[in-house]
Amino acid sequence: MPLTLASASPRRRELLSRITNDFLVVPSRAAEPTDGPPVERVLSAAKAKAHAVGRDHAGVIIAADTVVVLDGNVLGKPTSREDAAQMLRRLSGHEHSVITGLCVLSTWSGEERSSAEETLVRFRDLAADEIERYVDSGEPDDKAGAYAIQGKAAVFVERICGDYYNVMGLPLCQLVLLLREVGVRV
């Protein structure tokens, strides 16, 4: 059964390739919700992405959406260098949640499975100069919460509780379980 990853994210592509090399990548053009409770927001976005790609591609569509939540506020992708620095200052010395909504859609059977995965991440206190250097690296661009745990920001993380791959944007354990529910073994 053909698998299609509805994402432009190189991280999600890399993660999916850890469990299978037999998939297509088709970025979704679906609009992502910008309001509502975080779990509902990521689930709605993942479903919208899956259905948008599923209209033109048959098989099993995998879609995900990830947000960072601090004190009940969603930190999306930074819109500027200053926005990225501000997000990192807010995350400094605090615990936050990374929530990913997953949707697996079989266009043949019409079956759809979805779930949300949450991982807690605690940052150590960050010095102003290291935030500036990190922002200058360009790594925060296009990353929820303005950081990539698998990159240079790894040194900011004091501890995590939950799925590490969820923080990267694709919780593999949960994904495999959802794929099984629609009859796909990887």
N, C-alpha and C. Protein backbone atom coordinates (compact mmCIF):
# COMPACT_ATOMS: atom_id res chain seq x y z
N MET A 1 0.85 -1.18 0.00
CA MET A 1 0.00 0.00 0.00
C MET A 1 0.90 1.24 0.00
N PRO A 2 0.75 2.14 -0.97
CA PRO A 2 1.60 3.31 -1.04
C PRO A 2 1.41 4.24 0.15
N LEU A 3 2.52 4.73 0.69
CA LEU A 3 2.50 5.71 1.77
C LEU A 3 2.90 7.06 1.20
N THR A 4 2.22 8.11 1.66
CA THR A 4 2.55 9.46 1.25
C THR A 4 2.69 10.32 2.51
N LEU A 5 3.82 10.98 2.64
CA LEU A 5 4.04 11.91 3.74
C LEU A 5 3.60 13.30 3.28
N ALA A 6 2.58 13.83 3.92
CA ALA A 6 2.03 15.14 3.56
C ALA A 6 2.79 16.23 4.31
N SER A 7 4.04 16.45 3.91
CA SER A 7 4.87 17.40 4.64
C SER A 7 6.05 17.85 3.79
N ALA A 8 6.44 19.10 3.97
CA ALA A 8 7.65 19.61 3.33
C ALA A 8 8.84 19.53 4.27
N SER A 9 8.62 19.06 5.49
CA SER A 9 9.66 19.05 6.51
C SER A 9 10.74 18.00 6.23
N PRO A 10 11.99 18.44 6.11
CA PRO A 10 13.07 17.46 5.94
C PRO A 10 13.24 16.59 7.18
N ARG A 11 12.90 17.11 8.35
CA ARG A 11 13.00 16.31 9.57
C ARG A 11 11.99 15.17 9.55
N ARG A 12 10.77 15.46 9.15
CA ARG A 12 9.77 14.39 9.09
C ARG A 12 10.14 13.35 8.05
N ARG A 13 10.67 13.80 6.93
CA ARG A 13 11.12 12.86 5.89
C ARG A 13 12.22 11.95 6.44
N GLU A 14 13.18 12.54 7.12
CA GLU A 14 14.28 11.76 7.71
C GLU A 14 13.74 10.76 8.73
N LEU A 15 12.83 11.20 9.58
CA LEU A 15 12.29 10.31 10.61
C LEU A 15 11.49 9.17 10.01
N LEU A 16 10.64 9.46 9.03
CA LEU A 16 9.86 8.39 8.40
C LEU A 16 10.78 7.38 7.72
N SER A 17 11.90 7.85 7.18
CA SER A 17 12.82 6.92 6.51
C SER A 17 13.50 5.98 7.50
N ARG A 18 13.38 6.23 8.78
CA ARG A 18 13.93 5.31 9.80
C ARG A 18 13.07 4.05 9.93
N ILE A 19 11.80 4.14 9.50
CA ILE A 19 10.94 2.96 9.60
C ILE A 19 10.55 2.39 8.25
N THR A 20 10.67 3.19 7.18
CA THR A 20 10.39 2.69 5.82
C THR A 20 11.04 3.63 4.80
N ASN A 21 11.46 3.06 3.69
CA ASN A 21 11.97 3.87 2.59
C ASN A 21 10.99 3.93 1.45
N ASP A 22 9.83 3.30 1.65
CA ASP A 22 8.83 3.19 0.59
C ASP A 22 7.72 4.21 0.80
N PHE A 23 8.02 5.49 0.49
CA PHE A 23 7.00 6.53 0.62
C PHE A 23 7.31 7.68 -0.32
N LEU A 24 6.25 8.39 -0.65
CA LEU A 24 6.35 9.61 -1.43
C LEU A 24 6.25 10.80 -0.49
N VAL A 25 6.78 11.93 -0.91
CA VAL A 25 6.64 13.17 -0.14
C VAL A 25 5.85 14.16 -0.98
N VAL A 26 4.71 14.59 -0.44
CA VAL A 26 3.87 15.57 -1.12
C VAL A 26 3.49 16.64 -0.09
N PRO A 27 4.12 17.80 -0.17
CA PRO A 27 3.78 18.86 0.79
C PRO A 27 2.31 19.26 0.67
N SER A 28 1.70 19.49 1.81
CA SER A 28 0.30 19.91 1.85
C SER A 28 0.22 21.42 1.78
N ARG A 29 -0.79 21.89 1.12
CA ARG A 29 -1.04 23.34 1.04
C ARG A 29 -2.22 23.74 1.94
N ALA A 30 -2.63 22.84 2.81
CA ALA A 30 -3.77 23.12 3.69
C ALA A 30 -3.45 24.26 4.65
N ALA A 31 -4.44 25.08 4.90
CA ALA A 31 -4.28 26.16 5.88
C ALA A 31 -4.26 25.56 7.28
N GLU A 32 -3.34 26.06 8.11
CA GLU A 32 -3.24 25.56 9.47
C GLU A 32 -4.00 26.48 10.41
N PRO A 33 -4.80 25.92 11.32
CA PRO A 33 -5.54 26.76 12.26
C PRO A 33 -4.58 27.55 13.15
N THR A 34 -4.98 28.72 13.53
CA THR A 34 -4.14 29.57 14.37
C THR A 34 -4.76 29.86 15.72
N ASP A 35 -5.87 29.22 16.02
CA ASP A 35 -6.47 29.42 17.33
C ASP A 35 -7.06 28.11 17.83
N GLY A 36 -7.54 28.15 19.07
CA GLY A 36 -8.10 26.97 19.71
C GLY A 36 -7.09 26.33 20.63
N PRO A 37 -7.56 25.40 21.47
CA PRO A 37 -6.66 24.69 22.37
C PRO A 37 -5.58 23.95 21.57
N PRO A 38 -4.36 23.87 22.10
CA PRO A 38 -3.25 23.29 21.35
C PRO A 38 -3.51 21.89 20.78
N VAL A 39 -4.08 20.99 21.56
CA VAL A 39 -4.31 19.63 21.05
C VAL A 39 -5.30 19.65 19.89
N GLU A 40 -6.40 20.39 20.07
CA GLU A 40 -7.38 20.48 18.97
C GLU A 40 -6.75 21.12 17.74
N ARG A 41 -5.92 22.10 17.96
CA ARG A 41 -5.27 22.82 16.87
C ARG A 41 -4.37 21.90 16.03
N VAL A 42 -3.51 21.11 16.69
CA VAL A 42 -2.59 20.24 15.94
C VAL A 42 -3.34 19.09 15.28
N LEU A 43 -4.37 18.57 15.95
CA LEU A 43 -5.16 17.49 15.33
C LEU A 43 -5.90 18.01 14.11
N SER A 44 -6.49 19.17 14.22
CA SER A 44 -7.21 19.76 13.10
C SER A 44 -6.27 20.03 11.92
N ALA A 45 -5.08 20.55 12.22
CA ALA A 45 -4.11 20.84 11.16
C ALA A 45 -3.65 19.55 10.48
N ALA A 46 -3.35 18.51 11.27
CA ALA A 46 -2.90 17.24 10.70
C ALA A 46 -3.97 16.63 9.81
N LYS A 47 -5.22 16.67 10.26
CA LYS A 47 -6.32 16.13 9.46
C LYS A 47 -6.49 16.92 8.17
N ALA A 48 -6.42 18.24 8.25
CA ALA A 48 -6.56 19.08 7.06
C ALA A 48 -5.46 18.78 6.05
N LYS A 49 -4.24 18.61 6.52
CA LYS A 49 -3.12 18.29 5.64
C LYS A 49 -3.33 16.94 4.96
N ALA A 50 -3.74 15.94 5.75
CA ALA A 50 -3.95 14.59 5.19
C ALA A 50 -5.03 14.61 4.12
N HIS A 51 -6.14 15.25 4.41
CA HIS A 51 -7.25 15.28 3.45
C HIS A 51 -6.90 16.09 2.20
N ALA A 52 -6.15 17.16 2.37
CA ALA A 52 -5.75 17.97 1.21
C ALA A 52 -4.89 17.15 0.25
N VAL A 53 -3.93 16.42 0.77
CA VAL A 53 -3.07 15.58 -0.08
C VAL A 53 -3.84 14.37 -0.58
N GLY A 54 -4.72 13.83 0.25
CA GLY A 54 -5.51 12.65 -0.12
C GLY A 54 -6.47 12.89 -1.27
N ARG A 55 -6.82 14.14 -1.54
CA ARG A 55 -7.69 14.44 -2.68
C ARG A 55 -7.03 14.10 -4.01
N ASP A 56 -5.70 14.19 -4.07
CA ASP A 56 -4.98 13.97 -5.32
C ASP A 56 -4.06 12.75 -5.32
N HIS A 57 -3.92 12.08 -4.18
CA HIS A 57 -3.01 10.94 -4.08
C HIS A 57 -3.69 9.79 -3.35
N ALA A 58 -3.67 8.62 -3.97
CA ALA A 58 -4.30 7.44 -3.38
C ALA A 58 -3.31 6.72 -2.48
N GLY A 59 -3.85 6.02 -1.49
CA GLY A 59 -3.02 5.22 -0.59
C GLY A 59 -3.22 5.67 0.84
N VAL A 60 -2.15 5.56 1.61
CA VAL A 60 -2.19 5.96 3.02
C VAL A 60 -1.40 7.25 3.16
N ILE A 61 -2.09 8.26 3.66
CA ILE A 61 -1.50 9.59 3.81
C ILE A 61 -1.14 9.79 5.29
N ILE A 62 0.08 10.26 5.53
CA ILE A 62 0.56 10.55 6.88
C ILE A 62 0.76 12.06 6.98
N ALA A 63 0.14 12.67 7.98
CA ALA A 63 0.29 14.11 8.17
C ALA A 63 0.51 14.40 9.65
N ALA A 64 1.23 15.48 9.91
CA ALA A 64 1.52 15.86 11.30
C ALA A 64 1.61 17.38 11.41
N ASP A 65 1.38 17.86 12.61
CA ASP A 65 1.55 19.27 12.92
C ASP A 65 2.06 19.37 14.35
N THR A 66 3.06 20.22 14.58
CA THR A 66 3.70 20.32 15.89
C THR A 66 3.67 21.75 16.39
N VAL A 67 3.38 21.90 17.68
CA VAL A 67 3.46 23.22 18.33
C VAL A 67 4.23 23.08 19.64
N VAL A 68 4.76 24.20 20.08
CA VAL A 68 5.41 24.31 21.38
C VAL A 68 4.48 25.14 22.24
N VAL A 69 4.24 24.68 23.47
CA VAL A 69 3.31 25.38 24.36
C VAL A 69 4.02 25.71 25.67
N LEU A 70 4.01 26.99 26.01
CA LEU A 70 4.61 27.47 27.25
C LEU A 70 3.56 28.25 28.01
N ASP A 71 3.25 27.83 29.23
CA ASP A 71 2.26 28.52 30.07
C ASP A 71 0.93 28.72 29.35
N GLY A 72 0.52 27.72 28.57
CA GLY A 72 -0.75 27.77 27.87
C GLY A 72 -0.72 28.55 26.56
N ASN A 73 0.40 29.13 26.22
CA ASN A 73 0.54 29.90 24.99
C ASN A 73 1.29 29.11 23.93
N VAL A 74 0.75 29.10 22.72
CA VAL A 74 1.38 28.39 21.62
C VAL A 74 2.48 29.26 21.02
N LEU A 75 3.67 28.66 20.92
CA LEU A 75 4.78 29.33 20.25
C LEU A 75 4.94 28.64 18.90
N GLY A 76 4.57 29.33 17.86
CA GLY A 76 4.67 28.75 16.52
C GLY A 76 6.07 28.93 15.96
N LYS A 77 6.14 29.04 14.65
CA LYS A 77 7.42 29.29 13.98
C LYS A 77 7.71 30.79 14.07
N PRO A 78 8.96 31.15 14.33
CA PRO A 78 9.27 32.57 14.47
C PRO A 78 9.07 33.31 13.14
N THR A 79 8.63 34.54 13.26
CA THR A 79 8.38 35.36 12.07
C THR A 79 9.55 36.28 11.76
N SER A 80 10.50 36.38 12.69
CA SER A 80 11.66 37.25 12.51
C SER A 80 12.77 36.79 13.45
N ARG A 81 13.93 37.39 13.27
CA ARG A 81 15.06 37.09 14.14
C ARG A 81 14.72 37.46 15.58
N GLU A 82 14.12 38.63 15.78
CA GLU A 82 13.76 39.07 17.13
C GLU A 82 12.69 38.16 17.74
N ASP A 83 11.75 37.72 16.94
CA ASP A 83 10.71 36.80 17.42
C ASP A 83 11.36 35.50 17.92
N ALA A 84 12.33 34.98 17.17
CA ALA A 84 13.03 33.75 17.58
C ALA A 84 13.76 33.98 18.91
N ALA A 85 14.47 35.10 19.02
CA ALA A 85 15.20 35.40 20.26
C ALA A 85 14.24 35.53 21.44
N GLN A 86 13.11 36.18 21.21
CA GLN A 86 12.12 36.35 22.28
C GLN A 86 11.58 34.99 22.74
N MET A 87 11.28 34.11 21.79
CA MET A 87 10.80 32.77 22.15
C MET A 87 11.83 32.05 23.02
N LEU A 88 13.09 32.11 22.62
CA LEU A 88 14.14 31.41 23.37
C LEU A 88 14.32 32.02 24.76
N ARG A 89 14.20 33.33 24.88
CA ARG A 89 14.26 33.96 26.20
C ARG A 89 13.12 33.47 27.09
N ARG A 90 11.95 33.30 26.49
CA ARG A 90 10.78 32.81 27.26
C ARG A 90 10.97 31.35 27.68
N LEU A 91 11.59 30.54 26.81
CA LEU A 91 11.79 29.12 27.12
C LEU A 91 12.92 28.91 28.13
N SER A 92 13.85 29.84 28.21
CA SER A 92 15.01 29.73 29.08
C SER A 92 14.60 29.46 30.54
N GLY A 93 15.14 28.38 31.09
CA GLY A 93 14.88 28.03 32.49
C GLY A 93 13.50 27.49 32.79
N HIS A 94 12.74 27.17 31.75
CA HIS A 94 11.36 26.70 31.94
C HIS A 94 11.10 25.37 31.26
N GLU A 95 10.04 24.73 31.74
CA GLU A 95 9.55 23.51 31.09
C GLU A 95 8.41 23.90 30.14
N HIS A 96 8.40 23.27 28.99
CA HIS A 96 7.33 23.51 28.02
C HIS A 96 6.88 22.18 27.43
N SER A 97 5.77 22.21 26.74
CA SER A 97 5.23 21.03 26.06
C SER A 97 5.46 21.14 24.57
N VAL A 98 5.77 20.01 23.96
CA VAL A 98 5.78 19.91 22.51
C VAL A 98 4.67 18.93 22.16
N ILE A 99 3.72 19.40 21.38
CA ILE A 99 2.55 18.57 21.04
C ILE A 99 2.50 18.40 19.53
N THR A 100 2.42 17.15 19.11
CA THR A 100 2.28 16.84 17.69
C THR A 100 0.97 16.11 17.47
N GLY A 101 0.21 16.62 16.51
CA GLY A 101 -0.99 15.93 16.06
C GLY A 101 -0.63 15.08 14.86
N LEU A 102 -1.10 13.85 14.85
CA LEU A 102 -0.86 12.91 13.75
C LEU A 102 -2.19 12.52 13.13
N CYS A 103 -2.18 12.36 11.82
CA CYS A 103 -3.34 11.81 11.14
C CYS A 103 -2.85 10.82 10.09
N VAL A 104 -3.45 9.64 10.10
CA VAL A 104 -3.18 8.62 9.09
C VAL A 104 -4.52 8.37 8.40
N LEU A 105 -4.53 8.59 7.08
CA LEU A 105 -5.75 8.49 6.30
C LEU A 105 -5.56 7.50 5.15
N SER A 106 -6.43 6.48 5.09
CA SER A 106 -6.43 5.56 3.96
C SER A 106 -7.48 6.06 2.98
N THR A 107 -7.02 6.47 1.80
CA THR A 107 -7.98 6.98 0.81
C THR A 107 -8.79 5.85 0.20
N TRP A 108 -8.29 4.62 0.30
CA TRP A 108 -9.02 3.48 -0.28
C TRP A 108 -10.17 3.03 0.61
N SER A 109 -9.91 2.92 1.89
CA SER A 109 -10.96 2.44 2.78
C SER A 109 -11.74 3.58 3.44
N GLY A 110 -11.19 4.78 3.41
CA GLY A 110 -11.82 5.90 4.09
C GLY A 110 -11.51 5.93 5.58
N GLU A 111 -10.72 4.95 6.06
CA GLU A 111 -10.36 4.93 7.48
C GLU A 111 -9.42 6.08 7.80
N GLU A 112 -9.65 6.66 8.96
CA GLU A 112 -8.80 7.74 9.44
C GLU A 112 -8.52 7.51 10.91
N ARG A 113 -7.27 7.63 11.26
CA ARG A 113 -6.87 7.52 12.67
C ARG A 113 -6.04 8.75 13.01
N SER A 114 -6.26 9.27 14.20
CA SER A 114 -5.48 10.43 14.62
C SER A 114 -5.20 10.36 16.11
N SER A 115 -4.17 11.05 16.51
CA SER A 115 -3.83 11.13 17.93
C SER A 115 -2.89 12.31 18.13
N ALA A 116 -2.74 12.70 19.37
CA ALA A 116 -1.81 13.77 19.72
C ALA A 116 -0.81 13.22 20.73
N GLU A 117 0.44 13.56 20.54
CA GLU A 117 1.52 13.13 21.42
C GLU A 117 2.09 14.37 22.10
N GLU A 118 2.34 14.27 23.41
CA GLU A 118 2.91 15.39 24.16
C GLU A 118 4.19 14.98 24.84
N THR A 119 5.21 15.81 24.72
CA THR A 119 6.50 15.59 25.37
C THR A 119 6.84 16.85 26.15
N LEU A 120 7.30 16.67 27.38
CA LEU A 120 7.73 17.81 28.20
C LEU A 120 9.23 18.01 28.02
N VAL A 121 9.62 19.25 27.82
CA VAL A 121 11.03 19.61 27.61
C VAL A 121 11.38 20.73 28.58
N ARG A 122 12.50 20.57 29.28
CA ARG A 122 12.96 21.65 30.17
C ARG A 122 14.28 22.19 29.64
N PHE A 123 14.30 23.51 29.45
CA PHE A 123 15.53 24.21 29.06
C PHE A 123 16.26 24.68 30.31
N ARG A 124 17.56 24.64 30.27
CA ARG A 124 18.36 25.27 31.33
C ARG A 124 18.30 26.79 31.10
N ASP A 125 18.83 27.55 32.05
CA ASP A 125 18.91 28.99 31.87
C ASP A 125 19.88 29.28 30.72
N LEU A 126 19.44 30.11 29.80
CA LEU A 126 20.26 30.45 28.64
C LEU A 126 20.83 31.85 28.78
N ALA A 127 22.11 32.00 28.45
CA ALA A 127 22.75 33.31 28.47
C ALA A 127 22.34 34.09 27.22
N ALA A 128 22.28 35.40 27.35
CA ALA A 128 21.88 36.25 26.23
C ALA A 128 22.77 36.04 25.01
N ASP A 129 24.08 35.91 25.22
CA ASP A 129 24.99 35.76 24.07
C ASP A 129 24.79 34.42 23.36
N GLU A 130 24.44 33.36 24.09
CA GLU A 130 24.22 32.08 23.40
C GLU A 130 22.90 32.09 22.63
N ILE A 131 21.91 32.80 23.13
CA ILE A 131 20.67 32.96 22.36
C ILE A 131 20.98 33.71 21.06
N GLU A 132 21.75 34.77 21.14
CA GLU A 132 22.11 35.55 19.95
C GLU A 132 22.88 34.69 18.94
N ARG A 133 23.85 33.92 19.41
CA ARG A 133 24.63 33.05 18.51
C ARG A 133 23.73 32.01 17.87
N TYR A 134 22.82 31.45 18.66
CA TYR A 134 21.93 30.42 18.12
C TYR A 134 21.01 31.02 17.05
N VAL A 135 20.44 32.17 17.34
CA VAL A 135 19.57 32.82 16.36
C VAL A 135 20.37 33.15 15.09
N ASP A 136 21.61 33.61 15.27
CA ASP A 136 22.47 33.93 14.12
C ASP A 136 22.77 32.70 13.26
N SER A 137 22.70 31.51 13.85
CA SER A 137 22.99 30.28 13.10
C SER A 137 21.93 29.98 12.05
N GLY A 138 20.74 30.58 12.21
CA GLY A 138 19.64 30.32 11.28
C GLY A 138 18.84 29.08 11.61
N GLU A 139 19.31 28.30 12.56
CA GLU A 139 18.61 27.06 12.90
C GLU A 139 17.18 27.27 13.41
N PRO A 140 16.89 28.35 14.13
CA PRO A 140 15.52 28.53 14.63
C PRO A 140 14.47 28.78 13.54
N ASP A 141 14.91 29.20 12.37
CA ASP A 141 13.98 29.52 11.29
C ASP A 141 13.11 28.31 10.97
N ASP A 142 11.83 28.54 10.82
CA ASP A 142 10.88 27.50 10.41
C ASP A 142 10.76 26.35 11.41
N LYS A 143 11.05 26.62 12.69
CA LYS A 143 10.92 25.60 13.73
C LYS A 143 9.95 26.10 14.80
N ALA A 144 8.98 25.27 15.14
CA ALA A 144 8.07 25.61 16.23
C ALA A 144 8.88 25.85 17.49
N GLY A 145 8.61 26.96 18.17
CA GLY A 145 9.34 27.29 19.38
C GLY A 145 10.74 27.83 19.13
N ALA A 146 11.13 27.96 17.87
CA ALA A 146 12.42 28.54 17.46
C ALA A 146 13.63 27.70 17.86
N TYR A 147 13.46 26.36 17.91
CA TYR A 147 14.63 25.53 18.18
C TYR A 147 14.48 24.15 17.57
N ALA A 148 15.64 23.52 17.36
CA ALA A 148 15.70 22.15 16.86
C ALA A 148 16.47 21.32 17.87
N ILE A 149 15.78 20.43 18.56
CA ILE A 149 16.41 19.63 19.61
C ILE A 149 17.54 18.75 19.06
N GLN A 150 17.42 18.35 17.80
CA GLN A 150 18.42 17.48 17.19
C GLN A 150 19.63 18.25 16.67
N GLY A 151 19.59 19.58 16.79
CA GLY A 151 20.68 20.41 16.29
C GLY A 151 21.44 21.07 17.42
N LYS A 152 21.84 22.30 17.18
CA LYS A 152 22.65 23.05 18.14
C LYS A 152 21.90 23.29 19.46
N ALA A 153 20.59 23.30 19.43
CA ALA A 153 19.80 23.54 20.65
C ALA A 153 19.82 22.34 21.60
N ALA A 154 20.41 21.25 21.19
CA ALA A 154 20.52 20.08 22.07
C ALA A 154 21.17 20.47 23.40
N VAL A 155 22.08 21.42 23.38
CA VAL A 155 22.77 21.82 24.61
C VAL A 155 21.91 22.69 25.52
N PHE A 156 20.75 23.11 25.06
CA PHE A 156 19.83 23.88 25.90
C PHE A 156 18.94 22.98 26.75
N VAL A 157 18.81 21.72 26.37
CA VAL A 157 17.83 20.81 26.96
C VAL A 157 18.39 20.15 28.22
N GLU A 158 17.77 20.47 29.33
CA GLU A 158 18.16 19.88 30.61
C GLU A 158 17.59 18.48 30.76
N ARG A 159 16.32 18.32 30.32
CA ARG A 159 15.70 16.99 30.37
C ARG A 159 14.43 16.99 29.52
N ILE A 160 14.02 15.77 29.15
CA ILE A 160 12.74 15.60 28.47
C ILE A 160 12.00 14.45 29.14
N CYS A 161 10.69 14.50 29.02
CA CYS A 161 9.85 13.41 29.48
C CYS A 161 8.87 13.11 28.36
N GLY A 162 9.09 11.98 27.70
CA GLY A 162 8.24 11.62 26.58
C GLY A 162 9.06 11.23 25.37
N ASP A 163 8.42 11.25 24.23
CA ASP A 163 9.01 10.79 22.97
C ASP A 163 9.93 11.86 22.36
N TYR A 164 11.22 11.55 22.29
CA TYR A 164 12.21 12.47 21.70
C TYR A 164 11.84 12.81 20.26
N TYR A 165 11.40 11.81 19.49
CA TYR A 165 11.08 12.04 18.08
C TYR A 165 9.86 12.96 17.93
N ASN A 166 9.02 12.99 18.94
CA ASN A 166 7.90 13.93 18.93
C ASN A 166 8.41 15.36 18.90
N VAL A 167 9.47 15.64 19.65
CA VAL A 167 10.03 16.99 19.70
C VAL A 167 10.60 17.36 18.33
N MET A 168 11.04 16.37 17.57
CA MET A 168 11.54 16.61 16.21
C MET A 168 10.39 16.77 15.21
N GLY A 169 9.17 16.35 15.60
CA GLY A 169 8.01 16.57 14.73
C GLY A 169 7.30 15.34 14.21
N LEU A 170 7.77 14.13 14.57
CA LEU A 170 7.07 12.93 14.10
C LEU A 170 7.27 11.80 15.12
N PRO A 171 6.31 11.63 16.04
CA PRO A 171 6.42 10.59 17.06
C PRO A 171 6.28 9.20 16.43
N LEU A 172 7.41 8.54 16.23
CA LEU A 172 7.44 7.30 15.46
C LEU A 172 6.67 6.16 16.12
N CYS A 173 6.76 6.02 17.42
CA CYS A 173 6.04 4.93 18.10
C CYS A 173 4.54 5.06 17.86
N GLN A 174 4.00 6.25 18.08
CA GLN A 174 2.57 6.47 17.88
C GLN A 174 2.19 6.31 16.41
N LEU A 175 3.06 6.76 15.51
CA LEU A 175 2.79 6.63 14.08
C LEU A 175 2.65 5.17 13.68
N VAL A 176 3.56 4.32 14.14
CA VAL A 176 3.49 2.90 13.80
C VAL A 176 2.18 2.28 14.29
N LEU A 177 1.75 2.68 15.48
CA LEU A 177 0.48 2.14 16.02
C LEU A 177 -0.71 2.58 15.16
N LEU A 178 -0.72 3.85 14.72
CA LEU A 178 -1.81 4.33 13.87
C LEU A 178 -1.79 3.64 12.51
N LEU A 179 -0.59 3.44 11.96
CA LEU A 179 -0.50 2.73 10.67
C LEU A 179 -1.05 1.32 10.78
N ARG A 180 -0.74 0.64 11.87
CA ARG A 180 -1.27 -0.71 12.08
C ARG A 180 -2.79 -0.73 12.10
N GLU A 181 -3.39 0.31 12.69
CA GLU A 181 -4.84 0.37 12.77
C GLU A 181 -5.51 0.48 11.40
N VAL A 182 -4.79 0.97 10.40
CA VAL A 182 -5.35 1.03 9.05
C VAL A 182 -4.77 -0.07 8.16
N GLY A 183 -4.10 -1.06 8.78
CA GLY A 183 -3.63 -2.23 8.06
C GLY A 183 -2.25 -2.14 7.44
N VAL A 184 -1.44 -1.17 7.86
CA VAL A 184 -0.10 -1.02 7.31
C VAL A 184 0.94 -1.47 8.35
N ARG A 185 1.79 -2.40 7.93
CA ARG A 185 2.90 -2.85 8.79
C ARG A 185 4.20 -2.30 8.23
N VAL A 186 4.96 -1.64 9.07
CA VAL A 186 6.27 -1.13 8.64
C VAL A 186 7.33 -1.67 9.58
